[in-house]
Amino acid sequence: MGGRRGRRGAIAAGAVAGAVLVSGIGLWATDSWPFRESYCWGAWEQDSGADFLGDDGLSRSGSARSATESAPPSASRHHASCTVTVTSTIPDDDSDEPLSFKEQVTVEYGPAPTGAEDRRAWIARYFDGSGARLPDGLDGLVAGDRAMLVLPEACDVDGRPAAVTIRSASTGDGHLGKVAMPFTIGSRSAVTGMLLDAANTGTRKAGCAPEKPLRTTSPFVTVPEETESARSPLCRIPGVTLDFGKGPGYQEKVGVVDERLQTCSVVWRAPGLPDEQAAQYVMTAEPRLVALFEGLPEGVGDGLVRTECHGRRTVFYANLGSGLEGAGRPDDRTVFTRFTESVGRRIGCGSGEGA
């Protein structure tokens, strides 16, 4: 497949392989035979592990894969992003126009957003209950459609930790209009490989790479449970009681549950629309993860409490979207207090208010 596609690409591009800069954005076209396509500052290659980068990613008719990227990270450039896109079409039995599909994987390098609302949205995405904890002491989480890794302190920006993130998106467009579609990049192991390849490439270009490349060999210790209809107590956390109404749209995801990290999230699911983050509860005592909550408003009313537990800085966090704001029983503040008490007792930290 790579050779045939490569020869066609070489003819179409005048046998020129490499990065072609278009309006300051790099469009990589390194598929001239016998070379494999390369993406995202050279971090990923065609057929390098994940389904999305292999033959399976081009299984539909008329499939094509391309990438756009910013300039790479550097010592003075703290934000960088790259998106790999697969487009394809198939005949539409109900229309003269074909169905078109777009699947995208975006990798970003840099600190989490500084604005409170943007930061909460970032935390909602990457502390999602679908994510498993990265093994071998790496600070982050990974799922089939997203991943996040906090980089070593040498990569900090103005005292804030930098991270590498991956997320997927997919749409189908036909006679019914454009609809969001679920899209899994690959297995957790494959996505972890993509995450670490991007992190190692990014840190090298930024001049903050560790002496040994970031890698993992151990299996995932905690694997999140399957998504199911949300119910109370949410994620089986005593006292976390919300009114979800009678509809089946709210789905809960029980994520990591260990001594230094716990994740629980709720999404609203409707056909043809992206999942809407509706609620999230997090506890973390991992120093690099705790740092990601710096700068957010604190207090029970703001859903963020800091304490020390067995000498470790610990964060308890909650965020309710507009659909579930006010759904706590008897009220949101009490539910958050019960969350800190329940999880605090579980990890041997009293009520969660101190140790």
Foldseek 3Di string as FASTA:
>chain_A
DLAVVQCVLCVVVVNDAAWDADPQKTKHDRSHPPDFTAFDLRLDTAPPFWCCRYPVVQPAPPKDKIKIWHPAAAQPRAKIKMKIKIKHWDDDPVDPDTKIKIKMKMKMKHFQDQDQVSLVVVCCVFLAQQWFADPDPWGWTFHQFKIKTFDDPLSADPNTTMMMMMGMWMWMADPVGIFTDDDGRGGRVRVVSSRQSNVQSRCVRHVNADPDRDDDDDDGPWGKDDKAFAAPPGLPQPLNHFPPDDDRQKIKIWHDDDLFKGKIFIWGDDGRYDTHTFKIKMKGQDVNVVSSCPNHDDDLVSFWDWEAAPNTIMIIGMDGDPVGQQRTVVGSSSSSQSNLQRSCVVNVNHRNNYD
